[in-house]
PDB file of all heavy atoms in Angstrom:
ATOM      1  N   PRO A   1       0.825  -1.217   0.003  1.00  0.00           N
ATOM      2  CA  PRO A   1       0.000  -0.001  -0.002  1.00  0.00           C
ATOM      3  C   PRO A   1       0.849   1.264   0.000  1.00  0.00           C
ATOM      4  O   PRO A   1       2.005   1.255   0.429  1.00  0.00           O
ATOM      5  CB  PRO A   1      -0.788  -0.115   1.311  1.00  0.00           C
ATOM      6  CG  PRO A   1       0.071  -0.944   2.203  1.00  0.00           C
ATOM      7  CD  PRO A   1       0.800  -1.914   1.294  1.00  0.00           C
ATOM      8  N   ALA A   2       0.284   2.348  -0.477  1.00  0.00           N
ATOM      9  CA  ALA A   2       0.943   3.649  -0.384  1.00  0.00           C
ATOM     10  C   ALA A   2       1.161   3.968   1.089  1.00  0.00           C
ATOM     11  O   ALA A   2       0.390   3.546   1.946  1.00  0.00           O
ATOM     12  CB  ALA A   2       0.086   4.716  -1.042  1.00  0.00           C
ATOM     13  N   GLY A   3       2.230   4.658   1.365  1.00  0.00           N
ATOM     14  CA  GLY A   3       2.518   5.032   2.742  1.00  0.00           C
ATOM     15  C   GLY A   3       3.243   3.959   3.531  1.00  0.00           C
ATOM     16  O   GLY A   3       3.386   4.085   4.752  1.00  0.00           O
ATOM     17  N   ALA A   4       3.736   2.933   2.860  1.00  0.00           N
ATOM     18  CA  ALA A   4       4.486   1.878   3.550  1.00  0.00           C
ATOM     19  C   ALA A   4       5.890   2.371   3.878  1.00  0.00           C
ATOM     20  O   ALA A   4       6.397   3.314   3.271  1.00  0.00           O
ATOM     21  CB  ALA A   4       4.557   0.626   2.677  1.00  0.00           C
ATOM     22  N   PRO A   5       6.547   1.732   4.834  1.00  0.00           N
ATOM     23  CA  PRO A   5       7.929   2.108   5.165  1.00  0.00           C
ATOM     24  C   PRO A   5       8.926   1.614   4.125  1.00  0.00           C
ATOM     25  O   PRO A   5       8.609   0.776   3.267  1.00  0.00           O
ATOM     26  CB  PRO A   5       8.186   1.394   6.501  1.00  0.00           C
ATOM     27  CG  PRO A   5       6.870   0.904   6.973  1.00  0.00           C
ATOM     28  CD  PRO A   5       6.008   0.757   5.770  1.00  0.00           C
ATOM     29  N   LEU A   6      10.154   2.120   4.229  1.00  0.00           N
ATOM     30  CA  LEU A   6      11.268   1.716   3.384  1.00  0.00           C
ATOM     31  C   LEU A   6      12.476   1.417   4.258  1.00  0.00           C
ATOM     32  O   LEU A   6      12.772   2.175   5.188  1.00  0.00           O
ATOM     33  CB  LEU A   6      11.631   2.829   2.386  1.00  0.00           C
ATOM     34  CG  LEU A   6      12.891   2.622   1.536  1.00  0.00           C
ATOM     35  CD1 LEU A   6      12.727   1.428   0.582  1.00  0.00           C
ATOM     36  CD2 LEU A   6      13.232   3.895   0.771  1.00  0.00           C
ATOM     37  N   VAL A   7      13.167   0.319   3.954  1.00  0.00           N
ATOM     38  CA  VAL A   7      14.415  -0.011   4.639  1.00  0.00           C
ATOM     39  C   VAL A   7      15.519  -0.051   3.587  1.00  0.00           C
ATOM     40  O   VAL A   7      15.396  -0.729   2.567  1.00  0.00           O
ATOM     41  CB  VAL A   7      14.333  -1.356   5.386  1.00  0.00           C
ATOM     42  CG1 VAL A   7      15.677  -1.696   6.030  1.00  0.00           C
ATOM     43  CG2 VAL A   7      13.230  -1.307   6.448  1.00  0.00           C
ATOM     44  N   VAL A   8      16.605   0.685   3.848  1.00  0.00           N
ATOM     45  CA  VAL A   8      17.803   0.686   2.999  1.00  0.00           C
ATOM     46  C   VAL A   8      18.796  -0.270   3.667  1.00  0.00           C
ATOM     47  O   VAL A   8      19.131  -0.096   4.843  1.00  0.00           O
ATOM     48  CB  VAL A   8      18.404   2.102   2.896  1.00  0.00           C
ATOM     49  CG1 VAL A   8      19.672   2.088   2.052  1.00  0.00           C
ATOM     50  CG2 VAL A   8      17.367   3.067   2.336  1.00  0.00           C
ATOM     51  N   VAL A   9      19.245  -1.289   2.918  1.00  0.00           N
ATOM     52  CA  VAL A   9      20.088  -2.337   3.473  1.00  0.00           C
ATOM     53  C   VAL A   9      21.450  -2.312   2.783  1.00  0.00           C
ATOM     54  O   VAL A   9      21.545  -2.434   1.561  1.00  0.00           O
ATOM     55  CB  VAL A   9      19.422  -3.723   3.295  1.00  0.00           C
ATOM     56  CG1 VAL A   9      20.315  -4.818   3.869  1.00  0.00           C
ATOM     57  CG2 VAL A   9      18.049  -3.755   3.962  1.00  0.00           C
ATOM     58  N   LEU A  10      22.524  -2.174   3.591  1.00  0.00           N
ATOM     59  CA  LEU A  10      23.882  -2.063   3.071  1.00  0.00           C
ATOM     60  C   LEU A  10      24.687  -3.310   3.444  1.00  0.00           C
ATOM     61  O   LEU A  10      24.886  -3.591   4.634  1.00  0.00           O
ATOM     62  CB  LEU A  10      24.551  -0.809   3.637  1.00  0.00           C
ATOM     63  CG  LEU A  10      23.806   0.501   3.320  1.00  0.00           C
ATOM     64  CD1 LEU A  10      24.438   1.655   4.080  1.00  0.00           C
ATOM     65  CD2 LEU A  10      23.789   0.767   1.832  1.00  0.00           C
ATOM     66  N   HIS A  11      25.132  -4.034   2.436  1.00  0.00           N
ATOM     67  CA  HIS A  11      25.865  -5.291   2.621  1.00  0.00           C
ATOM     68  C   HIS A  11      27.269  -5.080   3.157  1.00  0.00           C
ATOM     69  O   HIS A  11      27.818  -3.969   3.143  1.00  0.00           O
ATOM     70  CB  HIS A  11      25.903  -6.086   1.319  1.00  0.00           C
ATOM     71  CG  HIS A  11      26.653  -5.391   0.219  1.00  0.00           C
ATOM     72  ND1 HIS A  11      28.034  -5.376   0.152  1.00  0.00           N
ATOM     73  CD2 HIS A  11      26.217  -4.690  -0.860  1.00  0.00           C
ATOM     74  CE1 HIS A  11      28.419  -4.706  -0.918  1.00  0.00           C
ATOM     75  NE2 HIS A  11      27.333  -4.255  -1.555  1.00  0.00           N
ATOM     76  N   GLY A  12      27.904  -6.150   3.587  1.00  0.00           N
ATOM     77  CA  GLY A  12      29.282  -6.113   4.051  1.00  0.00           C
ATOM     78  C   GLY A  12      30.262  -6.388   2.928  1.00  0.00           C
ATOM     79  O   GLY A  12      29.881  -6.629   1.771  1.00  0.00           O
ATOM     80  N   CYS A  13      31.541  -6.343   3.265  1.00  0.00           N
ATOM     81  CA  CYS A  13      32.603  -6.603   2.284  1.00  0.00           C
ATOM     82  C   CYS A  13      32.443  -7.997   1.683  1.00  0.00           C
ATOM     83  O   CYS A  13      32.006  -8.923   2.356  1.00  0.00           O
ATOM     84  CB  CYS A  13      33.962  -6.477   2.947  1.00  0.00           C
ATOM     85  SG  CYS A  13      34.348  -4.818   3.506  1.00  0.00           S
ATOM     86  N   THR A  14      32.834  -8.121   0.444  1.00  0.00           N
ATOM     87  CA  THR A  14      32.803  -9.333  -0.404  1.00  0.00           C
ATOM     88  C   THR A  14      31.387  -9.772  -0.768  1.00  0.00           C
ATOM     89  O   THR A  14      31.225 -10.693  -1.543  1.00  0.00           O
ATOM     90  CB  THR A  14      33.550 -10.537   0.221  1.00  0.00           C
ATOM     91  OG1 THR A  14      32.783 -11.114   1.274  1.00  0.00           O
ATOM     92  CG2 THR A  14      34.943 -10.149   0.686  1.00  0.00           C
ATOM     93  N   GLN A  15      30.370  -9.116  -0.239  1.00  0.00           N
ATOM     94  CA  GLN A  15      29.005  -9.520  -0.521  1.00  0.00           C
ATOM     95  C   GLN A  15      28.418  -8.758  -1.698  1.00  0.00           C
ATOM     96  O   GLN A  15      28.935  -7.718  -2.105  1.00  0.00           O
ATOM     97  CB  GLN A  15      28.127  -9.293   0.711  1.00  0.00           C
ATOM     98  CG  GLN A  15      28.490 -10.166   1.890  1.00  0.00           C
ATOM     99  CD  GLN A  15      27.608  -9.900   3.087  1.00  0.00           C
ATOM    100  OE1 GLN A  15      27.333  -8.751   3.428  1.00  0.00           O
ATOM    101  NE2 GLN A  15      27.169 -10.961   3.731  1.00  0.00           N
ATOM    102  N   THR A  16      27.321  -9.288  -2.189  1.00  0.00           N
ATOM    103  CA  THR A  16      26.473  -8.580  -3.149  1.00  0.00           C
ATOM    104  C   THR A  16      25.127  -8.339  -2.477  1.00  0.00           C
ATOM    105  O   THR A  16      24.858  -8.889  -1.392  1.00  0.00           O
ATOM    106  CB  THR A  16      26.247  -9.431  -4.416  1.00  0.00           C
ATOM    107  OG1 THR A  16      25.529 -10.626  -4.035  1.00  0.00           O
ATOM    108  CG2 THR A  16      27.556  -9.791  -5.102  1.00  0.00           C
ATOM    109  N   ALA A  17      24.297  -7.542  -3.101  1.00  0.00           N
ATOM    110  CA  ALA A  17      22.959  -7.326  -2.564  1.00  0.00           C
ATOM    111  C   ALA A  17      22.210  -8.649  -2.452  1.00  0.00           C
ATOM    112  O   ALA A  17      21.595  -8.947  -1.431  1.00  0.00           O
ATOM    113  CB  ALA A  17      22.203  -6.347  -3.457  1.00  0.00           C
ATOM    114  N   ALA A  18      22.291  -9.482  -3.506  1.00  0.00           N
ATOM    115  CA  ALA A  18      21.566 -10.753  -3.511  1.00  0.00           C
ATOM    116  C   ALA A  18      22.078 -11.707  -2.436  1.00  0.00           C
ATOM    117  O   ALA A  18      21.280 -12.370  -1.761  1.00  0.00           O
ATOM    118  CB  ALA A  18      21.659 -11.400  -4.894  1.00  0.00           C
ATOM    119  N   SER A  19      23.395 -11.784  -2.259  1.00  0.00           N
ATOM    120  CA  SER A  19      23.915 -12.718  -1.248  1.00  0.00           C
ATOM    121  C   SER A  19      23.546 -12.262   0.160  1.00  0.00           C
ATOM    122  O   SER A  19      23.211 -13.079   1.012  1.00  0.00           O
ATOM    123  CB  SER A  19      25.433 -12.908  -1.394  1.00  0.00           C
ATOM    124  OG  SER A  19      26.138 -11.727  -1.055  1.00  0.00           O
ATOM    125  N   TYR A  20      23.575 -10.950   0.394  1.00  0.00           N
ATOM    126  CA  TYR A  20      23.202 -10.476   1.719  1.00  0.00           C
ATOM    127  C   TYR A  20      21.716 -10.676   1.973  1.00  0.00           C
ATOM    128  O   TYR A  20      21.307 -11.070   3.070  1.00  0.00           O
ATOM    129  CB  TYR A  20      23.607  -9.007   1.905  1.00  0.00           C
ATOM    130  CG  TYR A  20      23.463  -8.522   3.330  1.00  0.00           C
ATOM    131  CD1 TYR A  20      23.893  -9.305   4.401  1.00  0.00           C
ATOM    132  CD2 TYR A  20      22.888  -7.297   3.620  1.00  0.00           C
ATOM    133  CE1 TYR A  20      23.759  -8.872   5.719  1.00  0.00           C
ATOM    134  CE2 TYR A  20      22.753  -6.848   4.928  1.00  0.00           C
ATOM    135  CZ  TYR A  20      23.185  -7.638   5.966  1.00  0.00           C
ATOM    136  OH  TYR A  20      23.054  -7.206   7.257  1.00  0.00           O
ATOM    137  N   ASP A  21      20.903 -10.444   0.957  1.00  0.00           N
ATOM    138  CA  ASP A  21      19.468 -10.690   1.118  1.00  0.00           C
ATOM    139  C   ASP A  21      19.207 -12.162   1.394  1.00  0.00           C
ATOM    140  O   ASP A  21      18.404 -12.495   2.266  1.00  0.00           O
ATOM    141  CB  ASP A  21      18.700 -10.234  -0.119  1.00  0.00           C
ATOM    142  CG  ASP A  21      17.211 -10.462   0.026  1.00  0.00           C
ATOM    143  OD1 ASP A  21      16.642 -10.048   1.066  1.00  0.00           O
ATOM    144  OD2 ASP A  21      16.602 -11.078  -0.868  1.00  0.00           O
ATOM    145  N   HIS A  22      19.897 -13.020   0.664  1.00  0.00           N
ATOM    146  CA  HIS A  22      19.682 -14.466   0.862  1.00  0.00           C
ATOM    147  C   HIS A  22      20.028 -14.867   2.301  1.00  0.00           C
ATOM    148  O   HIS A  22      19.284 -15.609   2.936  1.00  0.00           O
ATOM    149  CB  HIS A  22      20.533 -15.276  -0.124  1.00  0.00           C
ATOM    150  CG  HIS A  22      20.397 -16.745   0.084  1.00  0.00           C
ATOM    151  ND1 HIS A  22      19.299 -17.454  -0.317  1.00  0.00           N
ATOM    152  CD2 HIS A  22      21.234 -17.633   0.686  1.00  0.00           C
ATOM    153  CE1 HIS A  22      19.456 -18.722   0.015  1.00  0.00           C
ATOM    154  NE2 HIS A  22      20.610 -18.859   0.629  1.00  0.00           N
ATOM    155  N   GLY A  23      21.149 -14.362   2.821  1.00  0.00           N
ATOM    156  CA  GLY A  23      21.578 -14.733   4.161  1.00  0.00           C
ATOM    157  C   GLY A  23      20.787 -14.063   5.266  1.00  0.00           C
ATOM    158  O   GLY A  23      20.597 -14.624   6.342  1.00  0.00           O
ATOM    159  N   SER A  24      20.313 -12.854   5.018  1.00  0.00           N
ATOM    160  CA  SER A  24      19.645 -12.083   6.073  1.00  0.00           C
ATOM    161  C   SER A  24      18.129 -12.208   6.044  1.00  0.00           C
ATOM    162  O   SER A  24      17.471 -12.000   7.071  1.00  0.00           O
ATOM    163  CB  SER A  24      20.021 -10.598   5.952  1.00  0.00           C
ATOM    164  OG  SER A  24      19.530 -10.072   4.728  1.00  0.00           O
ATOM    165  N   GLY A  25      17.566 -12.482   4.880  1.00  0.00           N
ATOM    166  CA  GLY A  25      16.114 -12.633   4.772  1.00  0.00           C
ATOM    167  C   GLY A  25      15.326 -11.336   4.732  1.00  0.00           C
ATOM    168  O   GLY A  25      14.113 -11.327   4.970  1.00  0.00           O
ATOM    169  N   TRP A  26      15.980 -10.226   4.379  1.00  0.00           N
ATOM    170  CA  TRP A  26      15.276  -8.945   4.380  1.00  0.00           C
ATOM    171  C   TRP A  26      14.065  -8.929   3.453  1.00  0.00           C
ATOM    172  O   TRP A  26      13.011  -8.405   3.803  1.00  0.00           O
ATOM    173  CB  TRP A  26      16.225  -7.807   4.041  1.00  0.00           C
ATOM    174  CG  TRP A  26      16.936  -7.262   5.223  1.00  0.00           C
ATOM    175  CD1 TRP A  26      18.252  -7.460   5.574  1.00  0.00           C
ATOM    176  CD2 TRP A  26      16.383  -6.435   6.244  1.00  0.00           C
ATOM    177  NE1 TRP A  26      18.538  -6.814   6.750  1.00  0.00           N
ATOM    178  CE2 TRP A  26      17.406  -6.181   7.187  1.00  0.00           C
ATOM    179  CE3 TRP A  26      15.118  -5.900   6.470  1.00  0.00           C
ATOM    180  CZ2 TRP A  26      17.205  -5.400   8.321  1.00  0.00           C
ATOM    181  CZ3 TRP A  26      14.911  -5.116   7.601  1.00  0.00           C
ATOM    182  CH2 TRP A  26      15.951  -4.883   8.507  1.00  0.00           C
ATOM    183  N   SER A  27      14.184  -9.483   2.241  1.00  0.00           N
ATOM    184  CA  SER A  27      13.053  -9.418   1.310  1.00  0.00           C
ATOM    185  C   SER A  27      11.880 -10.268   1.791  1.00  0.00           C
ATOM    186  O   SER A  27      10.718  -9.907   1.591  1.00  0.00           O
ATOM    187  CB  SER A  27      13.490  -9.822  -0.100  1.00  0.00           C
ATOM    188  OG  SER A  27      13.908 -11.176  -0.140  1.00  0.00           O
ATOM    189  N   ARG A  28      12.171 -11.387   2.445  1.00  0.00           N
ATOM    190  CA  ARG A  28      11.078 -12.217   3.002  1.00  0.00           C
ATOM    191  C   ARG A  28      10.398 -11.505   4.162  1.00  0.00           C
ATOM    192  O   ARG A  28       9.167 -11.553   4.305  1.00  0.00           O
ATOM    193  CB  ARG A  28      11.623 -13.577   3.405  1.00  0.00           C
ATOM    194  CG  ARG A  28      12.082 -14.410   2.226  1.00  0.00           C
ATOM    195  CD  ARG A  28      12.533 -15.796   2.626  1.00  0.00           C
ATOM    196  NE  ARG A  28      13.230 -16.451   1.551  1.00  0.00           N
ATOM    197  CZ  ARG A  28      12.684 -16.940   0.449  1.00  0.00           C
ATOM    198  NH1 ARG A  28      11.384 -16.836   0.270  1.00  0.00           N
ATOM    199  NH2 ARG A  28      13.405 -17.536  -0.466  1.00  0.00           N
ATOM    200  N   LEU A  29      11.192 -10.850   4.993  1.00  0.00           N
ATOM    201  CA  LEU A  29      10.625 -10.068   6.088  1.00  0.00           C
ATOM    202  C   LEU A  29       9.765  -8.934   5.549  1.00  0.00           C
ATOM    203  O   LEU A  29       8.698  -8.633   6.087  1.00  0.00           O
ATOM    204  CB  LEU A  29      11.737  -9.526   6.985  1.00  0.00           C
ATOM    205  CG  LEU A  29      11.292  -8.686   8.185  1.00  0.00           C
ATOM    206  CD1 LEU A  29      10.415  -9.494   9.129  1.00  0.00           C
ATOM    207  CD2 LEU A  29      12.511  -8.143   8.913  1.00  0.00           C
ATOM    208  N   ALA A  30      10.218  -8.318   4.460  1.00  0.00           N
ATOM    209  CA  ALA A  30       9.440  -7.241   3.841  1.00  0.00           C
ATOM    210  C   ALA A  30       8.077  -7.744   3.386  1.00  0.00           C
ATOM    211  O   ALA A  30       7.060  -7.040   3.535  1.00  0.00           O
ATOM    212  CB  ALA A  30      10.211  -6.652   2.667  1.00  0.00           C
ATOM    213  N   ASP A  31       8.024  -8.950   2.826  1.00  0.00           N
ATOM    214  CA  ASP A  31       6.753  -9.533   2.413  1.00  0.00           C
ATOM    215  C   ASP A  31       5.830  -9.731   3.609  1.00  0.00           C
ATOM    216  O   ASP A  31       4.625  -9.450   3.534  1.00  0.00           O
ATOM    217  CB  ASP A  31       6.968 -10.882   1.727  1.00  0.00           C
ATOM    218  CG  ASP A  31       7.547 -10.756   0.318  1.00  0.00           C
ATOM    219  OD1 ASP A  31       7.460  -9.663  -0.272  1.00  0.00           O
ATOM    220  OD2 ASP A  31       8.097 -11.759  -0.178  1.00  0.00           O
ATOM    221  N   ARG A  32       6.374 -10.212   4.709  1.00  0.00           N
ATOM    222  CA  ARG A  32       5.563 -10.502   5.902  1.00  0.00           C
ATOM    223  C   ARG A  32       5.118  -9.239   6.615  1.00  0.00           C
ATOM    224  O   ARG A  32       3.995  -9.154   7.103  1.00  0.00           O
ATOM    225  CB  ARG A  32       6.340 -11.398   6.874  1.00  0.00           C
ATOM    226  CG  ARG A  32       6.506 -12.827   6.413  1.00  0.00           C
ATOM    227  CD  ARG A  32       6.891 -13.767   7.546  1.00  0.00           C
ATOM    228  NE  ARG A  32       8.040 -13.328   8.313  1.00  0.00           N
ATOM    229  CZ  ARG A  32       9.292 -13.664   8.060  1.00  0.00           C
ATOM    230  NH1 ARG A  32       9.574 -14.418   7.020  1.00  0.00           N
ATOM    231  NH2 ARG A  32      10.266 -13.237   8.829  1.00  0.00           N
ATOM    232  N   ALA A  33       6.029  -8.235   6.707  1.00  0.00           N
ATOM    233  CA  ALA A  33       5.736  -7.052   7.513  1.00  0.00           C
ATOM    234  C   ALA A  33       5.212  -5.870   6.702  1.00  0.00           C
ATOM    235  O   ALA A  33       4.762  -4.881   7.287  1.00  0.00           O
ATOM    236  CB  ALA A  33       6.988  -6.644   8.295  1.00  0.00           C
ATOM    237  N   GLY A  34       5.323  -5.922   5.363  1.00  0.00           N
ATOM    238  CA  GLY A  34       4.741  -4.870   4.541  1.00  0.00           C
ATOM    239  C   GLY A  34       5.572  -3.618   4.412  1.00  0.00           C
ATOM    240  O   GLY A  34       5.105  -2.525   4.743  1.00  0.00           O
ATOM    241  N   PHE A  35       6.803  -3.768   3.947  1.00  0.00           N
ATOM    242  CA  PHE A  35       7.645  -2.608   3.659  1.00  0.00           C
ATOM    243  C   PHE A  35       8.478  -2.893   2.420  1.00  0.00           C
ATOM    244  O   PHE A  35       8.630  -4.056   2.014  1.00  0.00           O
ATOM    245  CB  PHE A  35       8.534  -2.235   4.849  1.00  0.00           C
ATOM    246  CG  PHE A  35       9.485  -3.300   5.304  1.00  0.00           C
ATOM    247  CD1 PHE A  35      10.742  -3.446   4.730  1.00  0.00           C
ATOM    248  CD2 PHE A  35       9.132  -4.159   6.335  1.00  0.00           C
ATOM    249  CE1 PHE A  35      11.627  -4.427   5.154  1.00  0.00           C
ATOM    250  CE2 PHE A  35      10.018  -5.150   6.774  1.00  0.00           C
ATOM    251  CZ  PHE A  35      11.259  -5.283   6.192  1.00  0.00           C
ATOM    252  N   ALA A  36       9.002  -1.856   1.811  1.00  0.00           N
ATOM    253  CA  ALA A  36       9.875  -1.989   0.636  1.00  0.00           C
ATOM    254  C   ALA A  36      11.328  -2.002   1.102  1.00  0.00           C
ATOM    255  O   ALA A  36      11.649  -1.471   2.159  1.00  0.00           O
ATOM    256  CB  ALA A  36       9.635  -0.840  -0.336  1.00  0.00           C
ATOM    257  N   VAL A  37      12.192  -2.600   0.284  1.00  0.00           N
ATOM    258  CA  VAL A  37      13.604  -2.673   0.603  1.00  0.00           C
ATOM    259  C   VAL A  37      14.415  -2.246  -0.613  1.00  0.00           C
ATOM    260  O   VAL A  37      14.111  -2.632  -1.737  1.00  0.00           O
ATOM    261  CB  VAL A  37      14.026  -4.122   0.973  1.00  0.00           C
ATOM    262  CG1 VAL A  37      15.450  -4.134   1.520  1.00  0.00           C
ATOM    263  CG2 VAL A  37      13.087  -4.732   1.973  1.00  0.00           C
ATOM    264  N   VAL A  38      15.453  -1.432  -0.360  1.00  0.00           N
ATOM    265  CA  VAL A  38      16.414  -1.099  -1.414  1.00  0.00           C
ATOM    266  C   VAL A  38      17.802  -1.493  -0.921  1.00  0.00           C
ATOM    267  O   VAL A  38      18.164  -1.236   0.229  1.00  0.00           O
ATOM    268  CB  VAL A  38      16.352   0.395  -1.833  1.00  0.00           C
ATOM    269  CG1 VAL A  38      16.647   1.323  -0.670  1.00  0.00           C
ATOM    270  CG2 VAL A  38      17.301   0.666  -2.987  1.00  0.00           C
ATOM    271  N   PHE A  39      18.529  -2.181  -1.785  1.00  0.00           N
ATOM    272  CA  PHE A  39      19.876  -2.660  -1.500  1.00  0.00           C
ATOM    273  C   PHE A  39      20.865  -1.965  -2.428  1.00  0.00           C
ATOM    274  O   PHE A  39      21.062  -2.388  -3.568  1.00  0.00           O
ATOM    275  CB  PHE A  39      19.990  -4.167  -1.787  1.00  0.00           C
ATOM    276  CG  PHE A  39      19.342  -5.074  -0.799  1.00  0.00           C
ATOM    277  CD1 PHE A  39      17.976  -5.311  -0.850  1.00  0.00           C
ATOM    278  CD2 PHE A  39      20.089  -5.733   0.149  1.00  0.00           C
ATOM    279  CE1 PHE A  39      17.373  -6.194   0.035  1.00  0.00           C
ATOM    280  CE2 PHE A  39      19.510  -6.601   1.041  1.00  0.00           C
ATOM    281  CZ  PHE A  39      18.144  -6.835   0.994  1.00  0.00           C
ATOM    282  N   PRO A  40      21.518  -0.898  -1.986  1.00  0.00           N
ATOM    283  CA  PRO A  40      22.654  -0.394  -2.770  1.00  0.00           C
ATOM    284  C   PRO A  40      23.728  -1.471  -2.810  1.00  0.00           C
ATOM    285  O   PRO A  40      23.877  -2.251  -1.860  1.00  0.00           O
ATOM    286  CB  PRO A  40      23.120   0.828  -1.963  1.00  0.00           C
ATOM    287  CG  PRO A  40      21.918   1.233  -1.168  1.00  0.00           C
ATOM    288  CD  PRO A  40      21.233  -0.058  -0.819  1.00  0.00           C
ATOM    289  N   GLU A  41      24.456  -1.535  -3.916  1.00  0.00           N
ATOM    290  CA  GLU A  41      25.495  -2.566  -4.053  1.00  0.00           C
ATOM    291  C   GLU A  41      26.798  -1.937  -4.520  1.00  0.00           C
ATOM    292  O   GLU A  41      26.822  -1.204  -5.512  1.00  0.00           O
ATOM    293  CB  GLU A  41      25.050  -3.641  -5.041  1.00  0.00           C
ATOM    294  CG  GLU A  41      26.057  -4.771  -5.184  1.00  0.00           C
ATOM    295  CD  GLU A  41      25.575  -5.862  -6.118  1.00  0.00           C
ATOM    296  OE1 GLU A  41      24.674  -6.626  -5.717  1.00  0.00           O
ATOM    297  OE2 GLU A  41      26.067  -5.927  -7.261  1.00  0.00           O
ATOM    298  N   GLN A  42      27.860  -2.268  -3.819  1.00  0.00           N
ATOM    299  CA  GLN A  42      29.197  -1.807  -4.185  1.00  0.00           C
ATOM    300  C   GLN A  42      29.708  -2.611  -5.392  1.00  0.00           C
ATOM    301  O   GLN A  42      29.283  -3.741  -5.605  1.00  0.00           O
ATOM    302  CB  GLN A  42      30.143  -1.961  -2.996  1.00  0.00           C
ATOM    303  CG  GLN A  42      31.540  -1.422  -3.219  1.00  0.00           C
ATOM    304  CD  GLN A  42      31.567   0.053  -3.561  1.00  0.00           C
ATOM    305  OE1 GLN A  42      31.275   0.433  -4.703  1.00  0.00           O
ATOM    306  NE2 GLN A  42      31.895   0.897  -2.596  1.00  0.00           N
ATOM    307  N   THR A  43      30.607  -2.011  -6.167  1.00  0.00           N
ATOM    308  CA  THR A  43      31.197  -2.695  -7.324  1.00  0.00           C
ATOM    309  C   THR A  43      32.688  -2.895  -7.096  1.00  0.00           C
ATOM    310  O   THR A  43      33.321  -2.215  -6.293  1.00  0.00           O
ATOM    311  CB  THR A  43      30.992  -1.859  -8.600  1.00  0.00           C
ATOM    312  OG1 THR A  43      31.758  -0.647  -8.462  1.00  0.00           O
ATOM    313  CG2 THR A  43      29.530  -1.531  -8.836  1.00  0.00           C
TER     314      THR A  43
END
């Protein structure tokens, strides 16, 4: 819904956004709790 929260998630060294999400479960938590997630990724 409009007006939902947003969480910005920053991974650690050697990680990618996908690997950190897989290990931490942020996107699954977002589905359950109703918020959006953005993962900046270092190159």
